[in-house]
Amino acid sequence: MKNIFLPTLALFALFPAAVQAEEPAAQRFEHGGSIYSYTVTQVGDTRVISGIEEKTGKPFKLRVGEHRVRGTIGSQQVSFALRDVKPLTQPATTLAAR
């Protein structure tokens, strides 16, 4: 599952945020019967995607660099090439915005 989930989630880091507010809007998407909620923030040259899998509460944090995505899902370390990212078939949903 993480072979599909991670590259799919990292796709959101490729798209610039429409408006960068002080608190990023929480977004969510469904994949493989699981719902994931996350936020994307910019830290220097790196985008950071932080969130949880809503059913299990398992946290994840991905740092998207120029060529690689690195981070953790739960307590497991992950790393993959940005070129392995595949687009979602449906757009993400915004949960709340200010």
N, C-alpha and C. Protein backbone atom coordinates (compact mmCIF):
# COMPACT_ATOMS: atom_id res chain seq x y z
N MET A 1 0.81 -1.18 0.00
CA MET A 1 0.00 0.00 0.00
C MET A 1 0.86 1.25 0.00
N LYS A 2 1.95 1.27 0.77
CA LYS A 2 2.75 2.48 0.82
C LYS A 2 3.43 2.75 -0.52
N ASN A 3 3.60 1.72 -1.36
CA ASN A 3 4.19 1.95 -2.68
C ASN A 3 3.31 2.85 -3.53
N ILE A 4 2.01 2.83 -3.31
CA ILE A 4 1.09 3.69 -4.05
C ILE A 4 0.80 4.96 -3.26
N PHE A 5 0.61 4.85 -1.96
CA PHE A 5 0.23 5.98 -1.13
C PHE A 5 1.28 7.08 -1.12
N LEU A 6 2.52 6.75 -0.87
CA LEU A 6 3.56 7.76 -0.73
C LEU A 6 3.75 8.59 -2.00
N PRO A 7 3.95 7.97 -3.15
CA PRO A 7 4.09 8.79 -4.36
C PRO A 7 2.84 9.60 -4.66
N THR A 8 1.68 9.08 -4.35
CA THR A 8 0.44 9.80 -4.60
C THR A 8 0.36 11.02 -3.71
N LEU A 9 0.65 10.87 -2.43
CA LEU A 9 0.58 11.98 -1.50
C LEU A 9 1.61 13.04 -1.85
N ALA A 10 2.78 12.63 -2.24
CA ALA A 10 3.84 13.58 -2.55
C ALA A 10 3.50 14.44 -3.76
N LEU A 11 2.58 14.00 -4.59
CA LEU A 11 2.16 14.79 -5.74
C LEU A 11 1.67 16.16 -5.31
N PHE A 12 1.00 16.24 -4.17
CA PHE A 12 0.47 17.52 -3.72
C PHE A 12 1.57 18.52 -3.45
N ALA A 13 2.75 18.07 -3.17
CA ALA A 13 3.85 18.98 -2.93
C ALA A 13 4.35 19.62 -4.22
N LEU A 14 4.00 19.06 -5.35
CA LEU A 14 4.43 19.62 -6.63
C LEU A 14 3.62 20.84 -7.01
N PHE A 15 2.38 20.93 -6.53
CA PHE A 15 1.51 22.03 -6.89
C PHE A 15 1.67 23.17 -5.89
N PRO A 16 1.93 24.39 -6.36
CA PRO A 16 2.05 25.51 -5.41
C PRO A 16 0.72 25.80 -4.75
N ALA A 17 0.76 26.18 -3.50
CA ALA A 17 -0.47 26.52 -2.78
C ALA A 17 -1.01 27.83 -3.33
N ALA A 18 -2.33 27.93 -3.45
CA ALA A 18 -2.95 29.13 -4.00
C ALA A 18 -2.63 30.34 -3.12
N VAL A 19 -2.79 30.18 -1.82
CA VAL A 19 -2.47 31.25 -0.89
C VAL A 19 -1.81 30.61 0.32
N GLN A 20 -0.63 31.06 0.68
CA GLN A 20 0.06 30.54 1.85
C GLN A 20 -0.36 31.36 3.07
N ALA A 21 -1.24 30.82 3.89
CA ALA A 21 -1.68 31.49 5.11
C ALA A 21 -0.74 31.09 6.25
N GLU A 22 -0.91 31.75 7.39
CA GLU A 22 -0.08 31.39 8.54
C GLU A 22 -0.36 29.95 8.97
N GLU A 23 -1.62 29.56 8.95
CA GLU A 23 -1.99 28.18 9.24
C GLU A 23 -2.48 27.55 7.95
N PRO A 24 -1.78 26.53 7.45
CA PRO A 24 -2.22 25.91 6.21
C PRO A 24 -3.55 25.17 6.39
N ALA A 25 -4.38 25.19 5.36
CA ALA A 25 -5.67 24.51 5.42
C ALA A 25 -5.47 23.01 5.38
N ALA A 26 -6.21 22.30 6.22
CA ALA A 26 -6.16 20.84 6.22
C ALA A 26 -6.86 20.34 4.96
N GLN A 27 -6.25 19.35 4.32
CA GLN A 27 -6.84 18.75 3.13
C GLN A 27 -6.95 17.25 3.36
N ARG A 28 -7.73 16.58 2.55
CA ARG A 28 -7.87 15.13 2.70
C ARG A 28 -8.13 14.48 1.35
N PHE A 29 -7.80 13.20 1.29
CA PHE A 29 -8.12 12.41 0.12
C PHE A 29 -8.33 10.96 0.55
N GLU A 30 -9.00 10.20 -0.30
CA GLU A 30 -9.25 8.79 -0.03
C GLU A 30 -8.47 7.98 -1.02
N HIS A 31 -7.84 6.92 -0.53
CA HIS A 31 -7.08 6.02 -1.39
C HIS A 31 -7.11 4.63 -0.77
N GLY A 32 -7.51 3.66 -1.53
CA GLY A 32 -7.53 2.28 -1.05
C GLY A 32 -8.43 2.07 0.14
N GLY A 33 -9.52 2.83 0.23
CA GLY A 33 -10.44 2.67 1.34
C GLY A 33 -10.04 3.40 2.61
N SER A 34 -8.91 4.08 2.60
CA SER A 34 -8.46 4.85 3.75
C SER A 34 -8.55 6.33 3.43
N ILE A 35 -8.83 7.14 4.46
CA ILE A 35 -8.89 8.58 4.29
C ILE A 35 -7.70 9.20 5.00
N TYR A 36 -7.00 10.06 4.29
CA TYR A 36 -5.80 10.71 4.81
C TYR A 36 -6.07 12.21 4.88
N SER A 37 -5.76 12.83 6.01
CA SER A 37 -5.84 14.28 6.12
C SER A 37 -4.43 14.80 6.36
N TYR A 38 -4.13 15.96 5.78
CA TYR A 38 -2.76 16.46 5.82
C TYR A 38 -2.73 17.97 5.59
N THR A 39 -1.59 18.55 5.89
CA THR A 39 -1.32 19.94 5.56
C THR A 39 0.03 19.99 4.85
N VAL A 40 0.21 21.01 4.03
CA VAL A 40 1.47 21.22 3.32
C VAL A 40 2.01 22.58 3.72
N THR A 41 3.25 22.60 4.20
CA THR A 41 3.90 23.86 4.56
C THR A 41 5.24 23.95 3.85
N GLN A 42 5.70 25.17 3.66
CA GLN A 42 6.99 25.41 3.03
C GLN A 42 8.01 25.74 4.11
N VAL A 43 9.12 25.01 4.14
CA VAL A 43 10.20 25.27 5.08
C VAL A 43 11.47 25.44 4.25
N GLY A 44 11.85 26.67 4.00
CA GLY A 44 13.00 26.93 3.13
C GLY A 44 12.67 26.47 1.72
N ASP A 45 13.54 25.63 1.15
CA ASP A 45 13.32 25.09 -0.19
C ASP A 45 12.56 23.78 -0.18
N THR A 46 12.12 23.33 0.98
CA THR A 46 11.49 22.02 1.13
C THR A 46 10.01 22.18 1.49
N ARG A 47 9.18 21.36 0.85
CA ARG A 47 7.77 21.29 1.24
C ARG A 47 7.63 20.16 2.24
N VAL A 48 6.86 20.40 3.30
CA VAL A 48 6.65 19.40 4.33
C VAL A 48 5.17 19.04 4.34
N ILE A 49 4.88 17.74 4.15
CA ILE A 49 3.52 17.23 4.18
C ILE A 49 3.37 16.46 5.48
N SER A 50 2.48 16.94 6.36
CA SER A 50 2.25 16.30 7.65
C SER A 50 0.79 15.93 7.77
N GLY A 51 0.51 14.74 8.30
CA GLY A 51 -0.88 14.36 8.46
C GLY A 51 -1.05 13.04 9.16
N ILE A 52 -2.29 12.52 9.05
CA ILE A 52 -2.61 11.23 9.67
C ILE A 52 -3.51 10.43 8.74
N GLU A 53 -3.48 9.13 8.93
CA GLU A 53 -4.47 8.24 8.31
C GLU A 53 -5.60 8.21 9.31
N GLU A 54 -6.78 8.68 8.92
CA GLU A 54 -7.85 8.94 9.88
C GLU A 54 -8.37 7.70 10.61
N LYS A 55 -8.40 6.58 9.96
CA LYS A 55 -8.95 5.37 10.59
C LYS A 55 -8.06 4.86 11.72
N THR A 56 -6.75 4.81 11.47
CA THR A 56 -5.82 4.25 12.45
C THR A 56 -5.13 5.31 13.29
N GLY A 57 -5.14 6.56 12.82
CA GLY A 57 -4.44 7.62 13.54
C GLY A 57 -2.94 7.59 13.31
N LYS A 58 -2.47 6.80 12.37
CA LYS A 58 -1.04 6.69 12.09
C LYS A 58 -0.55 7.99 11.44
N PRO A 59 0.42 8.67 12.09
CA PRO A 59 0.92 9.93 11.55
C PRO A 59 1.94 9.71 10.43
N PHE A 60 2.07 10.70 9.57
CA PHE A 60 3.12 10.69 8.57
C PHE A 60 3.66 12.09 8.39
N LYS A 61 4.93 12.17 7.99
CA LYS A 61 5.58 13.45 7.71
C LYS A 61 6.56 13.22 6.57
N LEU A 62 6.34 13.91 5.47
CA LEU A 62 7.18 13.76 4.28
C LEU A 62 7.82 15.10 3.96
N ARG A 63 9.12 15.08 3.68
CA ARG A 63 9.85 16.26 3.26
C ARG A 63 10.17 16.11 1.77
N VAL A 64 9.63 17.01 0.96
CA VAL A 64 9.77 16.92 -0.49
C VAL A 64 10.86 17.88 -0.93
N GLY A 65 11.96 17.31 -1.40
CA GLY A 65 13.07 18.12 -1.90
C GLY A 65 12.99 18.25 -3.41
N GLU A 66 14.10 18.66 -3.99
CA GLU A 66 14.14 18.87 -5.43
C GLU A 66 14.04 17.56 -6.21
N HIS A 67 14.65 16.48 -5.70
CA HIS A 67 14.65 15.20 -6.41
C HIS A 67 14.13 14.02 -5.60
N ARG A 68 14.04 14.17 -4.26
CA ARG A 68 13.64 13.04 -3.41
C ARG A 68 12.59 13.43 -2.40
N VAL A 69 11.86 12.42 -1.96
CA VAL A 69 10.90 12.58 -0.87
C VAL A 69 11.40 11.68 0.26
N ARG A 70 11.54 12.26 1.45
CA ARG A 70 11.99 11.50 2.62
C ARG A 70 11.07 11.81 3.79
N GLY A 71 10.96 10.85 4.69
CA GLY A 71 10.14 11.11 5.87
C GLY A 71 9.83 9.85 6.64
N THR A 72 8.73 9.93 7.41
CA THR A 72 8.30 8.79 8.22
C THR A 72 6.80 8.59 8.09
N ILE A 73 6.41 7.33 8.20
CA ILE A 73 5.01 6.95 8.31
C ILE A 73 4.95 6.10 9.56
N GLY A 74 4.25 6.61 10.57
CA GLY A 74 4.32 5.94 11.87
C GLY A 74 5.75 6.03 12.35
N SER A 75 6.38 4.92 12.58
CA SER A 75 7.78 4.91 12.99
C SER A 75 8.71 4.41 11.88
N GLN A 76 8.16 4.18 10.70
CA GLN A 76 8.95 3.64 9.59
C GLN A 76 9.51 4.76 8.71
N GLN A 77 10.82 4.71 8.43
CA GLN A 77 11.48 5.66 7.54
C GLN A 77 11.15 5.32 6.09
N VAL A 78 10.92 6.34 5.27
CA VAL A 78 10.65 6.14 3.85
C VAL A 78 11.49 7.12 3.04
N SER A 79 11.81 6.73 1.81
CA SER A 79 12.55 7.58 0.89
C SER A 79 12.30 7.06 -0.52
N PHE A 80 11.96 7.97 -1.44
CA PHE A 80 11.75 7.57 -2.83
C PHE A 80 11.99 8.77 -3.74
N ALA A 81 12.25 8.48 -5.01
CA ALA A 81 12.52 9.53 -5.98
C ALA A 81 11.24 10.29 -6.32
N LEU A 82 11.35 11.57 -6.52
CA LEU A 82 10.20 12.39 -6.87
C LEU A 82 9.62 11.97 -8.21
N ARG A 83 10.42 11.43 -9.08
CA ARG A 83 9.92 10.99 -10.39
C ARG A 83 8.98 9.79 -10.28
N ASP A 84 8.95 9.11 -9.12
CA ASP A 84 8.05 7.98 -8.90
C ASP A 84 6.65 8.42 -8.46
N VAL A 85 6.45 9.72 -8.26
CA VAL A 85 5.15 10.24 -7.82
C VAL A 85 4.14 10.10 -8.94
N LYS A 86 2.96 9.56 -8.59
CA LYS A 86 1.88 9.39 -9.55
C LYS A 86 0.70 10.24 -9.13
N PRO A 87 0.00 10.86 -10.09
CA PRO A 87 -1.11 11.73 -9.74
C PRO A 87 -2.32 10.97 -9.22
N LEU A 88 -3.10 11.63 -8.36
CA LEU A 88 -4.38 11.10 -7.91
C LEU A 88 -5.38 11.22 -9.05
N THR A 89 -6.39 10.37 -9.04
CA THR A 89 -7.41 10.45 -10.07
C THR A 89 -8.46 11.50 -9.72
N GLN A 90 -8.55 11.90 -8.44
CA GLN A 90 -9.50 12.92 -8.00
C GLN A 90 -8.74 13.98 -7.21
N PRO A 91 -9.18 15.24 -7.27
CA PRO A 91 -8.49 16.28 -6.51
C PRO A 91 -8.72 16.13 -5.00
N ALA A 92 -7.82 16.72 -4.23
CA ALA A 92 -7.94 16.70 -2.77
C ALA A 92 -9.10 17.61 -2.36
N THR A 93 -9.63 17.37 -1.17
CA THR A 93 -10.74 18.14 -0.64
C THR A 93 -10.24 19.01 0.50
N THR A 94 -10.60 20.27 0.51
CA THR A 94 -10.23 21.16 1.60
C THR A 94 -11.24 21.00 2.74
N LEU A 95 -10.73 20.74 3.96
CA LEU A 95 -11.60 20.57 5.12
C LEU A 95 -12.02 21.91 5.70
N ALA A 96 -11.08 22.82 5.81
CA ALA A 96 -11.37 24.13 6.38
C ALA A 96 -10.39 25.15 5.83
N ALA A 97 -10.85 26.34 5.68
CA ALA A 97 -9.98 27.42 5.21
C ALA A 97 -10.38 28.70 5.90
N ARG A 98 -9.44 29.60 6.05
CA ARG A 98 -9.73 30.90 6.68
C ARG A 98 -9.69 31.97 5.64
